[in-house]
Amino acid sequence: MADRLMSLLGLCRRAGKLTLGNDPVIDSINLKKARLVVVASDCSRHTAKDVLSCAHRNGVKAHTLPHTKEEISLAVGKYTAVLSIIDDGFAKKADSLIEGGITHGYDD
């Protein structure tokens, strides 16, 4: 069964609505472009702390995913542990998948 969240992140990347990497994500948060921030489960503590605290300070919702850097990187086509979604629609859908714990399956 395909992972719906990883598929959505890949779609976000192809649509140009994803920011990848620590510094670009922090910039997207500070520039008020980020709508949702996600961090890999095996991201370094220092990086995760920096990104998550920046998101919190700026009122941007953030999640640590149960997925590893390798799983996320495979979905988006570039090695990364931190990313931000810069589109409201994609962010809402990703947030609902994460919050609902429903990342596998085919039904909406």
PDB file of N, CA and C in Angstrom:
ATOM      1  N   MET A   1       0.834  -1.180   0.000  1.00  0.00           N
ATOM      2  CA  MET A   1       0.000   0.000   0.000  1.00  0.00           C
ATOM      3  C   MET A   1       0.884   1.250   0.000  1.00  0.00           C
ATOM      4  N   ALA A   2       0.558   2.215  -0.798  1.00  0.00           N
ATOM      5  CA  ALA A   2       1.355   3.428  -0.917  1.00  0.00           C
ATOM      6  C   ALA A   2       1.157   4.324   0.304  1.00  0.00           C
ATOM      7  N   ASP A   3       2.177   5.072   0.661  1.00  0.00           N
ATOM      8  CA  ASP A   3       2.113   6.009   1.772  1.00  0.00           C
ATOM      9  C   ASP A   3       1.582   7.335   1.239  1.00  0.00           C
ATOM     10  N   ARG A   4       0.405   7.718   1.663  1.00  0.00           N
ATOM     11  CA  ARG A   4      -0.261   8.908   1.137  1.00  0.00           C
ATOM     12  C   ARG A   4       0.498  10.192   1.458  1.00  0.00           C
ATOM     13  N   LEU A   5       1.078  10.288   2.647  1.00  0.00           N
ATOM     14  CA  LEU A   5       1.813  11.488   3.016  1.00  0.00           C
ATOM     15  C   LEU A   5       3.060  11.647   2.155  1.00  0.00           C
ATOM     16  N   MET A   6       3.793  10.564   1.955  1.00  0.00           N
ATOM     17  CA  MET A   6       5.002  10.645   1.132  1.00  0.00           C
ATOM     18  C   MET A   6       4.644  10.982  -0.315  1.00  0.00           C
ATOM     19  N   SER A   7       3.533  10.442  -0.801  1.00  0.00           N
ATOM     20  CA  SER A   7       3.065  10.779  -2.151  1.00  0.00           C
ATOM     21  C   SER A   7       2.715  12.254  -2.247  1.00  0.00           C
ATOM     22  N   LEU A   8       2.070  12.768  -1.219  1.00  0.00           N
ATOM     23  CA  LEU A   8       1.709  14.187  -1.195  1.00  0.00           C
ATOM     24  C   LEU A   8       2.955  15.069  -1.175  1.00  0.00           C
ATOM     25  N   LEU A   9       3.968  14.684  -0.402  1.00  0.00           N
ATOM     26  CA  LEU A   9       5.202  15.466  -0.366  1.00  0.00           C
ATOM     27  C   LEU A   9       5.896  15.464  -1.726  1.00  0.00           C
ATOM     28  N   GLY A  10       5.865  14.329  -2.406  1.00  0.00           N
ATOM     29  CA  GLY A  10       6.427  14.272  -3.755  1.00  0.00           C
ATOM     30  C   GLY A  10       5.679  15.180  -4.715  1.00  0.00           C
ATOM     31  N   LEU A  11       4.375  15.211  -4.594  1.00  0.00           N
ATOM     32  CA  LEU A  11       3.554  16.092  -5.424  1.00  0.00           C
ATOM     33  C   LEU A  11       3.860  17.560  -5.118  1.00  0.00           C
ATOM     34  N   CYS A  12       4.015  17.887  -3.852  1.00  0.00           N
ATOM     35  CA  CYS A  12       4.387  19.256  -3.454  1.00  0.00           C
ATOM     36  C   CYS A  12       5.712  19.658  -4.087  1.00  0.00           C
ATOM     37  N   ARG A  13       6.666  18.751  -4.090  1.00  0.00           N
ATOM     38  CA  ARG A  13       7.982  19.049  -4.682  1.00  0.00           C
ATOM     39  C   ARG A  13       7.852  19.313  -6.179  1.00  0.00           C
ATOM     40  N   ARG A  14       7.111  18.456  -6.866  1.00  0.00           N
ATOM     41  CA  ARG A  14       6.944  18.635  -8.309  1.00  0.00           C
ATOM     42  C   ARG A  14       6.186  19.923  -8.641  1.00  0.00           C
ATOM     43  N   ALA A  15       5.318  20.359  -7.732  1.00  0.00           N
ATOM     44  CA  ALA A  15       4.555  21.593  -7.931  1.00  0.00           C
ATOM     45  C   ALA A  15       5.344  22.834  -7.514  1.00  0.00           C
ATOM     46  N   GLY A  16       6.529  22.632  -6.946  1.00  0.00           N
ATOM     47  CA  GLY A  16       7.335  23.768  -6.511  1.00  0.00           C
ATOM     48  C   GLY A  16       6.844  24.409  -5.227  1.00  0.00           C
ATOM     49  N   LYS A  17       6.144  23.650  -4.407  1.00  0.00           N
ATOM     50  CA  LYS A  17       5.559  24.174  -3.174  1.00  0.00           C
ATOM     51  C   LYS A  17       6.225  23.614  -1.923  1.00  0.00           C
ATOM     52  N   LEU A  18       7.496  23.217  -2.052  1.00  0.00           N
ATOM     53  CA  LEU A  18       8.224  22.605  -0.957  1.00  0.00           C
ATOM     54  C   LEU A  18       9.577  23.276  -0.818  1.00  0.00           C
ATOM     55  N   THR A  19       9.973  23.575   0.402  1.00  0.00           N
ATOM     56  CA  THR A  19      11.299  24.108   0.688  1.00  0.00           C
ATOM     57  C   THR A  19      12.067  23.020   1.419  1.00  0.00           C
ATOM     58  N   LEU A  20      13.295  22.746   0.976  1.00  0.00           N
ATOM     59  CA  LEU A  20      14.084  21.641   1.521  1.00  0.00           C
ATOM     60  C   LEU A  20      15.352  22.145   2.180  1.00  0.00           C
ATOM     61  N   GLY A  21      15.691  21.555   3.329  1.00  0.00           N
ATOM     62  CA  GLY A  21      16.942  21.870   4.004  1.00  0.00           C
ATOM     63  C   GLY A  21      16.762  22.848   5.155  1.00  0.00           C
ATOM     64  N   ASN A  22      17.672  22.777   6.110  1.00  0.00           N
ATOM     65  CA  ASN A  22      17.591  23.557   7.334  1.00  0.00           C
ATOM     66  C   ASN A  22      17.502  25.064   7.090  1.00  0.00           C
ATOM     67  N   ASP A  23      18.510  25.653   6.462  1.00  0.00           N
ATOM     68  CA  ASP A  23      18.527  27.108   6.265  1.00  0.00           C
ATOM     69  C   ASP A  23      17.390  27.606   5.375  1.00  0.00           C
ATOM     70  N   PRO A  24      17.113  26.962   4.231  1.00  0.00           N
ATOM     71  CA  PRO A  24      15.976  27.421   3.425  1.00  0.00           C
ATOM     72  C   PRO A  24      14.632  27.322   4.152  1.00  0.00           C
ATOM     73  N   VAL A  25      14.466  26.292   4.978  1.00  0.00           N
ATOM     74  CA  VAL A  25      13.214  26.153   5.730  1.00  0.00           C
ATOM     75  C   VAL A  25      13.097  27.272   6.760  1.00  0.00           C
ATOM     76  N   ILE A  26      14.177  27.548   7.474  1.00  0.00           N
ATOM     77  CA  ILE A  26      14.157  28.643   8.451  1.00  0.00           C
ATOM     78  C   ILE A  26      13.868  29.969   7.746  1.00  0.00           C
ATOM     79  N   ASP A  27      14.470  30.172   6.577  1.00  0.00           N
ATOM     80  CA  ASP A  27      14.184  31.390   5.808  1.00  0.00           C
ATOM     81  C   ASP A  27      12.712  31.461   5.420  1.00  0.00           C
ATOM     82  N   SER A  28      12.138  30.329   4.979  1.00  0.00           N
ATOM     83  CA  SER A  28      10.725  30.330   4.579  1.00  0.00           C
ATOM     84  C   SER A  28       9.817  30.627   5.772  1.00  0.00           C
ATOM     85  N   ILE A  29      10.216  30.189   6.949  1.00  0.00           N
ATOM     86  CA  ILE A  29       9.443  30.485   8.160  1.00  0.00           C
ATOM     87  C   ILE A  29       9.528  31.979   8.467  1.00  0.00           C
ATOM     88  N   ASN A  30      10.747  32.507   8.484  1.00  0.00           N
ATOM     89  CA  ASN A  30      10.941  33.921   8.810  1.00  0.00           C
ATOM     90  C   ASN A  30      10.310  34.858   7.789  1.00  0.00           C
ATOM     91  N   LEU A  31      10.240  34.430   6.533  1.00  0.00           N
ATOM     92  CA  LEU A  31       9.623  35.245   5.475  1.00  0.00           C
ATOM     93  C   LEU A  31       8.109  35.052   5.396  1.00  0.00           C
ATOM     94  N   LYS A  32       7.557  34.275   6.346  1.00  0.00           N
ATOM     95  CA  LYS A  32       6.113  34.013   6.424  1.00  0.00           C
ATOM     96  C   LYS A  32       5.575  33.268   5.211  1.00  0.00           C
ATOM     97  N   LYS A  33       6.412  32.457   4.568  1.00  0.00           N
ATOM     98  CA  LYS A  33       5.970  31.649   3.436  1.00  0.00           C
ATOM     99  C   LYS A  33       5.560  30.243   3.866  1.00  0.00           C
ATOM    100  N   ALA A  34       6.199  29.712   4.894  1.00  0.00           N
ATOM    101  CA  ALA A  34       5.940  28.346   5.340  1.00  0.00           C
ATOM    102  C   ALA A  34       4.544  28.230   5.938  1.00  0.00           C
ATOM    103  N   ARG A  35       3.837  27.189   5.542  1.00  0.00           N
ATOM    104  CA  ARG A  35       2.510  26.913   6.087  1.00  0.00           C
ATOM    105  C   ARG A  35       2.528  25.704   7.019  1.00  0.00           C
ATOM    106  N   LEU A  36       3.483  24.794   6.775  1.00  0.00           N
ATOM    107  CA  LEU A  36       3.641  23.598   7.607  1.00  0.00           C
ATOM    108  C   LEU A  36       5.090  23.153   7.506  1.00  0.00           C
ATOM    109  N   VAL A  37       5.676  22.810   8.642  1.00  0.00           N
ATOM    110  CA  VAL A  37       7.057  22.341   8.689  1.00  0.00           C
ATOM    111  C   VAL A  37       7.050  20.897   9.155  1.00  0.00           C
ATOM    112  N   VAL A  38       7.834  20.059   8.492  1.00  0.00           N
ATOM    113  CA  VAL A  38       7.981  18.673   8.916  1.00  0.00           C
ATOM    114  C   VAL A  38       9.456  18.314   9.037  1.00  0.00           C
ATOM    115  N   VAL A  39       9.727  17.472  10.029  1.00  0.00           N
ATOM    116  CA  VAL A  39      11.085  17.057  10.358  1.00  0.00           C
ATOM    117  C   VAL A  39      11.110  15.535  10.403  1.00  0.00           C
ATOM    118  N   ALA A  40      12.156  14.942   9.871  1.00  0.00           N
ATOM    119  CA  ALA A  40      12.309  13.479   9.887  1.00  0.00           C
ATOM    120  C   ALA A  40      12.543  12.980  11.310  1.00  0.00           C
ATOM    121  N   SER A  41      12.159  11.752  11.534  1.00  0.00           N
ATOM    122  CA  SER A  41      12.309  11.162  12.870  1.00  0.00           C
ATOM    123  C   SER A  41      13.768  11.029  13.290  1.00  0.00           C
ATOM    124  N   ASP A  42      14.674  10.869  12.313  1.00  0.00           N
ATOM    125  CA  ASP A  42      16.085  10.700  12.643  1.00  0.00           C
ATOM    126  C   ASP A  42      16.910  11.955  12.368  1.00  0.00           C
ATOM    127  N   CYS A  43      16.249  13.089  12.336  1.00  0.00           N
ATOM    128  CA  CYS A  43      16.939  14.371  12.176  1.00  0.00           C
ATOM    129  C   CYS A  43      17.762  14.637  13.441  1.00  0.00           C
ATOM    130  N   SER A  44      18.891  15.309  13.305  1.00  0.00           N
ATOM    131  CA  SER A  44      19.717  15.599  14.481  1.00  0.00           C
ATOM    132  C   SER A  44      18.943  16.484  15.454  1.00  0.00           C
ATOM    133  N   ARG A  45      19.215  16.314  16.732  1.00  0.00           N
ATOM    134  CA  ARG A  45      18.510  17.088  17.753  1.00  0.00           C
ATOM    135  C   ARG A  45      18.717  18.586  17.564  1.00  0.00           C
ATOM    136  N   HIS A  46      19.926  18.972  17.248  1.00  0.00           N
ATOM    137  CA  HIS A  46      20.252  20.393  17.078  1.00  0.00           C
ATOM    138  C   HIS A  46      19.446  20.998  15.935  1.00  0.00           C
ATOM    139  N   THR A  47      19.426  20.337  14.796  1.00  0.00           N
ATOM    140  CA  THR A  47      18.675  20.828  13.640  1.00  0.00           C
ATOM    141  C   THR A  47      17.188  20.873  13.944  1.00  0.00           C
ATOM    142  N   ALA A  48      16.667  19.796  14.509  1.00  0.00           N
ATOM    143  CA  ALA A  48      15.242  19.745  14.830  1.00  0.00           C
ATOM    144  C   ALA A  48      14.868  20.858  15.802  1.00  0.00           C
ATOM    145  N   LYS A  49      15.696  21.066  16.813  1.00  0.00           N
ATOM    146  CA  LYS A  49      15.428  22.110  17.805  1.00  0.00           C
ATOM    147  C   LYS A  49      15.399  23.484  17.145  1.00  0.00           C
ATOM    148  N   ASP A  50      16.375  23.770  16.290  1.00  0.00           N
ATOM    149  CA  ASP A  50      16.425  25.063  15.604  1.00  0.00           C
ATOM    150  C   ASP A  50      15.173  25.307  14.767  1.00  0.00           C
ATOM    151  N   VAL A  51      14.821  24.338  13.955  1.00  0.00           N
ATOM    152  CA  VAL A  51      13.687  24.493  13.043  1.00  0.00           C
ATOM    153  C   VAL A  51      12.370  24.543  13.806  1.00  0.00           C
ATOM    154  N   LEU A  52      12.176  23.632  14.739  1.00  0.00           N
ATOM    155  CA  LEU A  52      10.918  23.584  15.471  1.00  0.00           C
ATOM    156  C   LEU A  52      10.716  24.815  16.341  1.00  0.00           C
ATOM    157  N   SER A  53      11.779  25.316  16.959  1.00  0.00           N
ATOM    158  CA  SER A  53      11.636  26.518  17.781  1.00  0.00           C
ATOM    159  C   SER A  53      11.360  27.741  16.910  1.00  0.00           C
ATOM    160  N   CYS A  54      11.980  27.818  15.749  1.00  0.00           N
ATOM    161  CA  CYS A  54      11.713  28.913  14.817  1.00  0.00           C
ATOM    162  C   CYS A  54      10.251  28.874  14.363  1.00  0.00           C
ATOM    163  N   ALA A  55       9.764  27.690  14.041  1.00  0.00           N
ATOM    164  CA  ALA A  55       8.369  27.542  13.627  1.00  0.00           C
ATOM    165  C   ALA A  55       7.433  27.968  14.758  1.00  0.00           C
ATOM    166  N   HIS A  56       7.733  27.530  15.964  1.00  0.00           N
ATOM    167  CA  HIS A  56       6.897  27.874  17.118  1.00  0.00           C
ATOM    168  C   HIS A  56       6.874  29.388  17.342  1.00  0.00           C
ATOM    169  N   ARG A  57       8.033  30.025  17.291  1.00  0.00           N
ATOM    170  CA  ARG A  57       8.115  31.480  17.484  1.00  0.00           C
ATOM    171  C   ARG A  57       7.307  32.252  16.446  1.00  0.00           C
ATOM    172  N   ASN A  58       7.211  31.696  15.249  1.00  0.00           N
ATOM    173  CA  ASN A  58       6.521  32.382  14.158  1.00  0.00           C
ATOM    174  C   ASN A  58       5.095  31.882  13.929  1.00  0.00           C
ATOM    175  N   GLY A  59       4.609  31.010  14.789  1.00  0.00           N
ATOM    176  CA  GLY A  59       3.240  30.529  14.692  1.00  0.00           C
ATOM    177  C   GLY A  59       2.971  29.586  13.533  1.00  0.00           C
ATOM    178  N   VAL A  60       4.013  28.872  13.097  1.00  0.00           N
ATOM    179  CA  VAL A  60       3.868  27.910  12.005  1.00  0.00           C
ATOM    180  C   VAL A  60       3.745  26.512  12.601  1.00  0.00           C
ATOM    181  N   LYS A  61       2.754  25.790  12.180  1.00  0.00           N
ATOM    182  CA  LYS A  61       2.554  24.429  12.665  1.00  0.00           C
ATOM    183  C   LYS A  61       3.707  23.548  12.201  1.00  0.00           C
ATOM    184  N   ALA A  62       4.169  22.664  13.089  1.00  0.00           N
ATOM    185  CA  ALA A  62       5.298  21.793  12.768  1.00  0.00           C
ATOM    186  C   ALA A  62       5.065  20.405  13.353  1.00  0.00           C
ATOM    187  N   HIS A  63       5.585  19.398  12.632  1.00  0.00           N
ATOM    188  CA  HIS A  63       5.452  18.007  13.065  1.00  0.00           C
ATOM    189  C   HIS A  63       6.783  17.285  12.890  1.00  0.00           C
ATOM    190  N   THR A  64       7.057  16.364  13.794  1.00  0.00           N
ATOM    191  CA  THR A  64       8.128  15.403  13.590  1.00  0.00           C
ATOM    192  C   THR A  64       7.455  14.143  13.076  1.00  0.00           C
ATOM    193  N   LEU A  65       7.853  13.709  11.900  1.00  0.00           N
ATOM    194  CA  LEU A  65       7.221  12.562  11.251  1.00  0.00           C
ATOM    195  C   LEU A  65       7.787  11.243  11.758  1.00  0.00           C
ATOM    196  N   PRO A  66       7.049  10.157  11.610  1.00  0.00           N
ATOM    197  CA  PRO A  66       7.582   8.834  11.928  1.00  0.00           C
ATOM    198  C   PRO A  66       8.465   8.294  10.802  1.00  0.00           C
ATOM    199  N   HIS A  67       8.709   9.099   9.784  1.00  0.00           N
ATOM    200  CA  HIS A  67       9.506   8.697   8.628  1.00  0.00           C
ATOM    201  C   HIS A  67      10.959   9.142   8.795  1.00  0.00           C
ATOM    202  N   THR A  68      11.868   8.374   8.223  1.00  0.00           N
ATOM    203  CA  THR A  68      13.297   8.697   8.293  1.00  0.00           C
ATOM    204  C   THR A  68      13.696   9.648   7.162  1.00  0.00           C
ATOM    205  N   LYS A  69      14.916  10.167   7.258  1.00  0.00           N
ATOM    206  CA  LYS A  69      15.447  11.026   6.194  1.00  0.00           C
ATOM    207  C   LYS A  69      15.436  10.303   4.859  1.00  0.00           C
ATOM    208  N   GLU A  70      15.786   9.022   4.878  1.00  0.00           N
ATOM    209  CA  GLU A  70      15.841   8.252   3.642  1.00  0.00           C
ATOM    210  C   GLU A  70      14.456   8.115   3.005  1.00  0.00           C
ATOM    211  N   GLU A  71      13.441   7.869   3.823  1.00  0.00           N
ATOM    212  CA  GLU A  71      12.079   7.729   3.301  1.00  0.00           C
ATOM    213  C   GLU A  71      11.578   9.051   2.714  1.00  0.00           C
ATOM    214  N   ILE A  72      11.826  10.134   3.424  1.00  0.00           N
ATOM    215  CA  ILE A  72      11.409  11.450   2.926  1.00  0.00           C
ATOM    216  C   ILE A  72      12.174  11.798   1.663  1.00  0.00           C
ATOM    217  N   SER A  73      13.474  11.544   1.674  1.00  0.00           N
ATOM    218  CA  SER A  73      14.313  11.862   0.514  1.00  0.00           C
ATOM    219  C   SER A  73      13.883  11.087  -0.720  1.00  0.00           C
ATOM    220  N   LEU A  74      13.509   9.851  -0.539  1.00  0.00           N
ATOM    221  CA  LEU A  74      13.021   9.047  -1.658  1.00  0.00           C
ATOM    222  C   LEU A  74      11.735   9.652  -2.240  1.00  0.00           C
ATOM    223  N   ALA A  75      10.886  10.157  -1.369  1.00  0.00           N
ATOM    224  CA  ALA A  75       9.613  10.734  -1.819  1.00  0.00           C
ATOM    225  C   ALA A  75       9.802  12.063  -2.558  1.00  0.00           C
ATOM    226  N   VAL A  76      10.748  12.892  -2.097  1.00  0.00           N
ATOM    227  CA  VAL A  76      10.894  14.229  -2.684  1.00  0.00           C
ATOM    228  C   VAL A  76      12.029  14.338  -3.686  1.00  0.00           C
ATOM    229  N   GLY A  77      12.858  13.323  -3.777  1.00  0.00           N
ATOM    230  CA  GLY A  77      13.909  13.320  -4.784  1.00  0.00           C
ATOM    231  C   GLY A  77      15.175  14.050  -4.406  1.00  0.00           C
ATOM    232  N   LYS A  78      15.327  14.415  -3.139  1.00  0.00           N
ATOM    233  CA  LYS A  78      16.542  15.075  -2.674  1.00  0.00           C
ATOM    234  C   LYS A  78      16.744  14.726  -1.207  1.00  0.00           C
ATOM    235  N   TYR A  79      18.002  14.484  -0.823  1.00  0.00           N
ATOM    236  CA  TYR A  79      18.295  14.087   0.548  1.00  0.00           C
ATOM    237  C   TYR A  79      18.051  15.254   1.492  1.00  0.00           C
ATOM    238  N   THR A  80      17.115  15.090   2.406  1.00  0.00           N
ATOM    239  CA  THR A  80      16.778  16.137   3.365  1.00  0.00           C
ATOM    240  C   THR A  80      16.097  15.543   4.587  1.00  0.00           C
ATOM    241  N   ALA A  81      16.233  16.247   5.708  1.00  0.00           N
ATOM    242  CA  ALA A  81      15.573  15.827   6.938  1.00  0.00           C
ATOM    243  C   ALA A  81      14.537  16.849   7.383  1.00  0.00           C
ATOM    244  N   VAL A  82      14.556  18.029   6.754  1.00  0.00           N
ATOM    245  CA  VAL A  82      13.688  19.134   7.149  1.00  0.00           C
ATOM    246  C   VAL A  82      13.063  19.729   5.897  1.00  0.00           C
ATOM    247  N   LEU A  83      11.761  19.979   5.939  1.00  0.00           N
ATOM    248  CA  LEU A  83      11.121  20.630   4.806  1.00  0.00           C
ATOM    249  C   LEU A  83       9.932  21.439   5.263  1.00  0.00           C
ATOM    250  N   SER A  84       9.559  22.394   4.413  1.00  0.00           N
ATOM    251  CA  SER A  84       8.358  23.180   4.696  1.00  0.00           C
ATOM    252  C   SER A  84       7.490  23.207   3.449  1.00  0.00           C
ATOM    253  N   ILE A  85       6.194  23.161   3.695  1.00  0.00           N
ATOM    254  CA  ILE A  85       5.213  23.275   2.622  1.00  0.00           C
ATOM    255  C   ILE A  85       4.784  24.735   2.579  1.00  0.00           C
ATOM    256  N   ILE A  86       4.823  25.325   1.384  1.00  0.00           N
ATOM    257  CA  ILE A  86       4.539  26.752   1.254  1.00  0.00           C
ATOM    258  C   ILE A  86       3.224  27.022   0.516  1.00  0.00           C
ATOM    259  N   ASP A  87       2.319  26.078   0.561  1.00  0.00           N
ATOM    260  CA  ASP A  87       1.016  26.211  -0.080  1.00  0.00           C
ATOM    261  C   ASP A  87      -0.057  25.818   0.936  1.00  0.00           C
ATOM    262  N   ASP A  88      -1.086  26.652   1.070  1.00  0.00           N
ATOM    263  CA  ASP A  88      -2.141  26.384   2.053  1.00  0.00           C
ATOM    264  C   ASP A  88      -2.850  25.054   1.836  1.00  0.00           C
ATOM    265  N   GLY A  89      -3.237  24.760   0.611  1.00  0.00           N
ATOM    266  CA  GLY A  89      -3.967  23.524   0.324  1.00  0.00           C
ATOM    267  C   GLY A  89      -3.159  22.277   0.625  1.00  0.00           C
ATOM    268  N   PHE A  90      -1.921  22.245   0.145  1.00  0.00           N
ATOM    269  CA  PHE A  90      -1.043  21.102   0.421  1.00  0.00           C
ATOM    270  C   PHE A  90      -0.789  20.978   1.929  1.00  0.00           C
ATOM    271  N   ALA A  91      -0.584  22.115   2.586  1.00  0.00           N
ATOM    272  CA  ALA A  91      -0.302  22.090   4.025  1.00  0.00           C
ATOM    273  C   ALA A  91      -1.484  21.539   4.812  1.00  0.00           C
ATOM    274  N   LYS A  92      -2.692  21.954   4.462  1.00  0.00           N
ATOM    275  CA  LYS A  92      -3.882  21.465   5.156  1.00  0.00           C
ATOM    276  C   LYS A  92      -4.058  19.965   4.966  1.00  0.00           C
ATOM    277  N   LYS A  93      -3.851  19.495   3.741  1.00  0.00           N
ATOM    278  CA  LYS A  93      -3.992  18.063   3.470  1.00  0.00           C
ATOM    279  C   LYS A  93      -2.929  17.259   4.225  1.00  0.00           C
ATOM    280  N   ALA A  94      -1.675  17.728   4.182  1.00  0.00           N
ATOM    281  CA  ALA A  94      -0.601  17.028   4.890  1.00  0.00           C
ATOM    282  C   ALA A  94      -0.869  17.017   6.391  1.00  0.00           C
ATOM    283  N   ASP A  95      -1.305  18.144   6.928  1.00  0.00           N
ATOM    284  CA  ASP A  95      -1.595  18.225   8.356  1.00  0.00           C
ATOM    285  C   ASP A  95      -2.708  17.263   8.739  1.00  0.00           C
ATOM    286  N   SER A  96      -3.740  17.168   7.916  1.00  0.00           N
ATOM    287  CA  SER A  96      -4.832  16.249   8.242  1.00  0.00           C
ATOM    288  C   SER A  96      -4.363  14.794   8.190  1.00  0.00           C
ATOM    289  N   LEU A  97      -3.484  14.467   7.255  1.00  0.00           N
ATOM    290  CA  LEU A  97      -2.951  13.104   7.196  1.00  0.00           C
ATOM    291  C   LEU A  97      -2.089  12.803   8.417  1.00  0.00           C
ATOM    292  N   ILE A  98      -1.272  13.767   8.820  1.00  0.00           N
ATOM    293  CA  ILE A  98      -0.385  13.567   9.972  1.00  0.00           C
ATOM    294  C   ILE A  98      -1.194  13.490  11.258  1.00  0.00           C
ATOM    295  N   GLU A  99      -2.080  14.459  11.460  1.00  0.00           N
ATOM    296  CA  GLU A  99      -2.869  14.511  12.689  1.00  0.00           C
ATOM    297  C   GLU A  99      -3.795  13.309  12.820  1.00  0.00           C
ATOM    298  N   GLY A 100      -4.342  12.873  11.703  1.00  0.00           N
ATOM    299  CA  GLY A 100      -5.237  11.733  11.724  1.00  0.00           C
ATOM    300  C   GLY A 100      -4.523  10.401  11.812  1.00  0.00           C
ATOM    301  N   GLY A 101      -3.206  10.440  11.601  1.00  0.00           N
ATOM    302  CA  GLY A 101      -2.442   9.198  11.620  1.00  0.00           C
ATOM    303  C   GLY A 101      -2.755   8.307  10.440  1.00  0.00           C
ATOM    304  N   ILE A 102      -3.420   8.878   9.438  1.00  0.00           N
ATOM    305  CA  ILE A 102      -3.829   8.104   8.259  1.00  0.00           C
ATOM    306  C   ILE A 102      -2.898   8.466   7.113  1.00  0.00           C
ATOM    307  N   THR A 103      -1.805   7.751   7.017  1.00  0.00           N
ATOM    308  CA  THR A 103      -0.879   8.014   5.914  1.00  0.00           C
ATOM    309  C   THR A 103      -0.885   6.877   4.902  1.00  0.00           C
ATOM    310  N   HIS A 104      -1.554   5.793   5.243  1.00  0.00           N
ATOM    311  CA  HIS A 104      -1.616   4.659   4.314  1.00  0.00           C
ATOM    312  C   HIS A 104      -3.041   4.500   3.811  1.00  0.00           C
ATOM    313  N   GLY A 105      -3.185   4.139   2.563  1.00  0.00           N
ATOM    314  CA  GLY A 105      -4.509   3.856   2.036  1.00  0.00           C
ATOM    315  C   GLY A 105      -4.815   4.674   0.808  1.00  0.00           C
ATOM    316  N   TYR A 106      -6.009   4.473   0.304  1.00  0.00           N
ATOM    317  CA  TYR A 106      -6.398   5.106  -0.944  1.00  0.00           C
ATOM    318  C   TYR A 106      -7.637   5.958  -0.833  1.00  0.00           C
ATOM    319  N   ASP A 107      -8.377   5.857   0.265  1.00  0.00           N
ATOM    320  CA  ASP A 107      -9.609   6.633   0.369  1.00  0.00           C
ATOM    321  C   ASP A 107      -9.347   7.988   1.005  1.00  0.00           C
ATOM    322  N   ASP A 108     -10.161   8.961   0.674  1.00  0.00           N
ATOM    323  CA  ASP A 108     -10.067  10.300   1.273  1.00  0.00           C
ATOM    324  C   ASP A 108     -11.105  10.381   2.320  1.00  0.00           C
TER     325      ASP A 108
END
